[in-house]
Amino acid sequence: MAYDENLALRIRSIFEKMGTKVEEKKMFGGITFLYRGKMTVGIVKDELCARYLSADHHSVLNENGVRPMDFTGKEMKDFVYVNQDSLQNEEDLMRWVAMGLDHAKSKL
């Protein structure tokens, strides 16, 4: 399974700074980070895949570097791919990780 290991290290560091314990699992041909069994964010090849709250659907899809996740050939609800250009600084990545964590917590 090939995925961007540097991006994975950055995500691990963010969860550590947040004091949030996550489980890592191979999924979607890459890796995903689970909070209490619920997916937050993951990496497929060199792209971040992130979960978000349904209420944020339109604003999330209008962001630069974001596209619907269509891993199965069909758009997946509350999932997006975020390209590397949109993750250059830690604040941007932290925002996506926090968004994914909010989604996971909403499912508990």
Protein backbone atom coordinates (compact mmCIF):
# COMPACT_ATOMS: atom_id res chain seq x y z
CA MET A 1 0.00 0.00 0.00
CA ALA A 2 1.51 3.22 -1.12
CA TYR A 3 0.62 6.45 0.66
CA ASP A 4 2.46 9.63 1.54
CA GLU A 5 4.30 8.71 4.73
CA ASN A 6 5.34 12.32 5.36
CA LEU A 7 1.69 13.36 5.38
CA ALA A 8 0.96 10.50 7.78
CA LEU A 9 3.69 11.77 10.13
CA ARG A 10 2.21 15.28 10.02
CA ILE A 11 -1.26 13.92 10.85
CA ARG A 12 0.10 11.81 13.73
CA SER A 13 1.83 14.89 15.11
CA ILE A 14 -1.40 16.91 14.98
CA PHE A 15 -3.38 14.23 16.82
CA GLU A 16 -0.59 14.06 19.40
CA LYS A 17 -0.65 17.85 19.89
CA MET A 18 -4.44 17.65 20.29
CA GLY A 19 -4.04 14.93 22.91
CA THR A 20 -6.36 12.72 20.87
CA LYS A 21 -5.79 8.98 20.69
CA VAL A 22 -6.49 7.44 17.30
CA GLU A 23 -6.14 4.03 15.76
CA GLU A 24 -4.52 3.59 12.36
CA LYS A 25 -5.98 1.16 9.89
CA LYS A 26 -5.22 0.24 6.30
CA MET A 27 -8.20 1.28 4.21
CA PHE A 28 -9.00 2.58 0.70
CA GLY A 29 -5.59 1.37 -0.48
CA GLY A 30 -3.93 3.71 2.01
CA ILE A 31 -4.21 4.48 5.69
CA THR A 32 -6.96 5.98 7.81
CA PHE A 33 -7.07 7.41 11.32
CA LEU A 34 -9.98 6.29 13.49
CA TYR A 35 -11.31 7.96 16.61
CA ARG A 36 -13.24 5.44 18.70
CA GLY A 37 -13.77 3.37 15.57
CA LYS A 38 -14.96 6.28 13.42
CA MET A 39 -12.93 7.58 10.50
CA THR A 40 -11.55 11.11 10.75
CA VAL A 41 -9.01 11.53 7.95
CA GLY A 42 -6.94 9.23 5.81
CA ILE A 43 -4.43 9.17 3.01
CA VAL A 44 -4.94 7.62 -0.41
CA LYS A 45 -1.74 7.81 -2.45
CA ASP A 46 -0.72 11.43 -1.96
CA GLU A 47 -4.12 12.94 -1.18
CA LEU A 48 -5.82 13.52 2.12
CA CYS A 49 -9.29 12.07 2.38
CA ALA A 50 -11.34 13.81 5.02
CA ARG A 51 -14.75 13.50 6.60
CA TYR A 52 -16.86 16.55 7.31
CA LEU A 53 -20.24 17.36 8.79
CA SER A 54 -23.10 17.32 6.27
CA ALA A 55 -24.06 20.88 7.19
CA ASP A 56 -20.70 22.05 5.78
CA HIS A 57 -21.19 20.30 2.42
CA HIS A 58 -21.40 23.34 0.12
CA SER A 59 -18.63 25.36 1.75
CA VAL A 60 -16.26 22.37 1.85
CA LEU A 61 -16.76 21.47 -1.81
CA ASN A 62 -16.13 25.07 -2.87
CA GLU A 63 -12.63 25.14 -1.35
CA ASN A 64 -9.56 25.11 -3.58
CA GLY A 65 -7.94 21.71 -3.99
CA VAL A 66 -11.00 19.81 -2.79
CA ARG A 67 -13.07 17.33 -4.75
CA PRO A 68 -15.71 14.79 -3.81
CA MET A 69 -14.38 11.38 -2.85
CA ASP A 70 -15.53 8.97 -5.51
CA PHE A 71 -13.47 5.94 -4.56
CA THR A 72 -16.27 3.59 -5.59
CA GLY A 73 -17.11 5.50 -8.78
CA LYS A 74 -19.92 7.26 -6.95
CA GLU A 75 -19.64 10.28 -4.63
CA MET A 76 -19.32 9.19 -1.02
CA LYS A 77 -21.39 11.17 1.47
CA ASP A 78 -19.38 13.48 3.76
CA PHE A 79 -16.01 12.51 2.23
CA VAL A 80 -13.63 14.65 0.17
CA TYR A 81 -10.15 14.40 -1.28
CA VAL A 82 -7.84 17.32 -0.52
CA ASN A 83 -4.75 17.72 -2.70
CA GLN A 84 -1.27 18.39 -1.32
CA ASP A 85 -1.20 21.99 -2.57
CA SER A 86 -3.98 22.79 -0.09
CA LEU A 87 -2.04 21.25 2.81
CA GLN A 88 1.23 23.17 2.67
CA ASN A 89 1.00 24.67 6.15
CA GLU A 90 0.15 22.99 9.42
CA GLU A 91 -2.85 25.24 10.09
CA ASP A 92 -4.57 24.02 6.92
CA LEU A 93 -3.89 20.37 7.73
CA MET A 94 -4.94 20.89 11.35
CA ARG A 95 -8.25 22.35 10.19
CA TRP A 96 -9.00 19.25 8.08
CA VAL A 97 -7.99 16.92 10.92
CA ALA A 98 -10.25 18.85 13.33
CA MET A 99 -13.09 18.70 10.81
CA GLY A 100 -12.68 14.93 10.52
CA LEU A 101 -12.56 14.59 14.30
CA ASP A 102 -15.76 16.62 14.65
CA HIS A 103 -17.46 14.29 12.18
CA ALA A 104 -16.30 11.21 14.09
CA LYS A 105 -17.48 12.62 17.41
CA SER A 106 -20.89 13.40 15.90
CA LYS A 107 -21.35 9.67 15.18
CA LEU A 108 -20.73 8.50 18.75
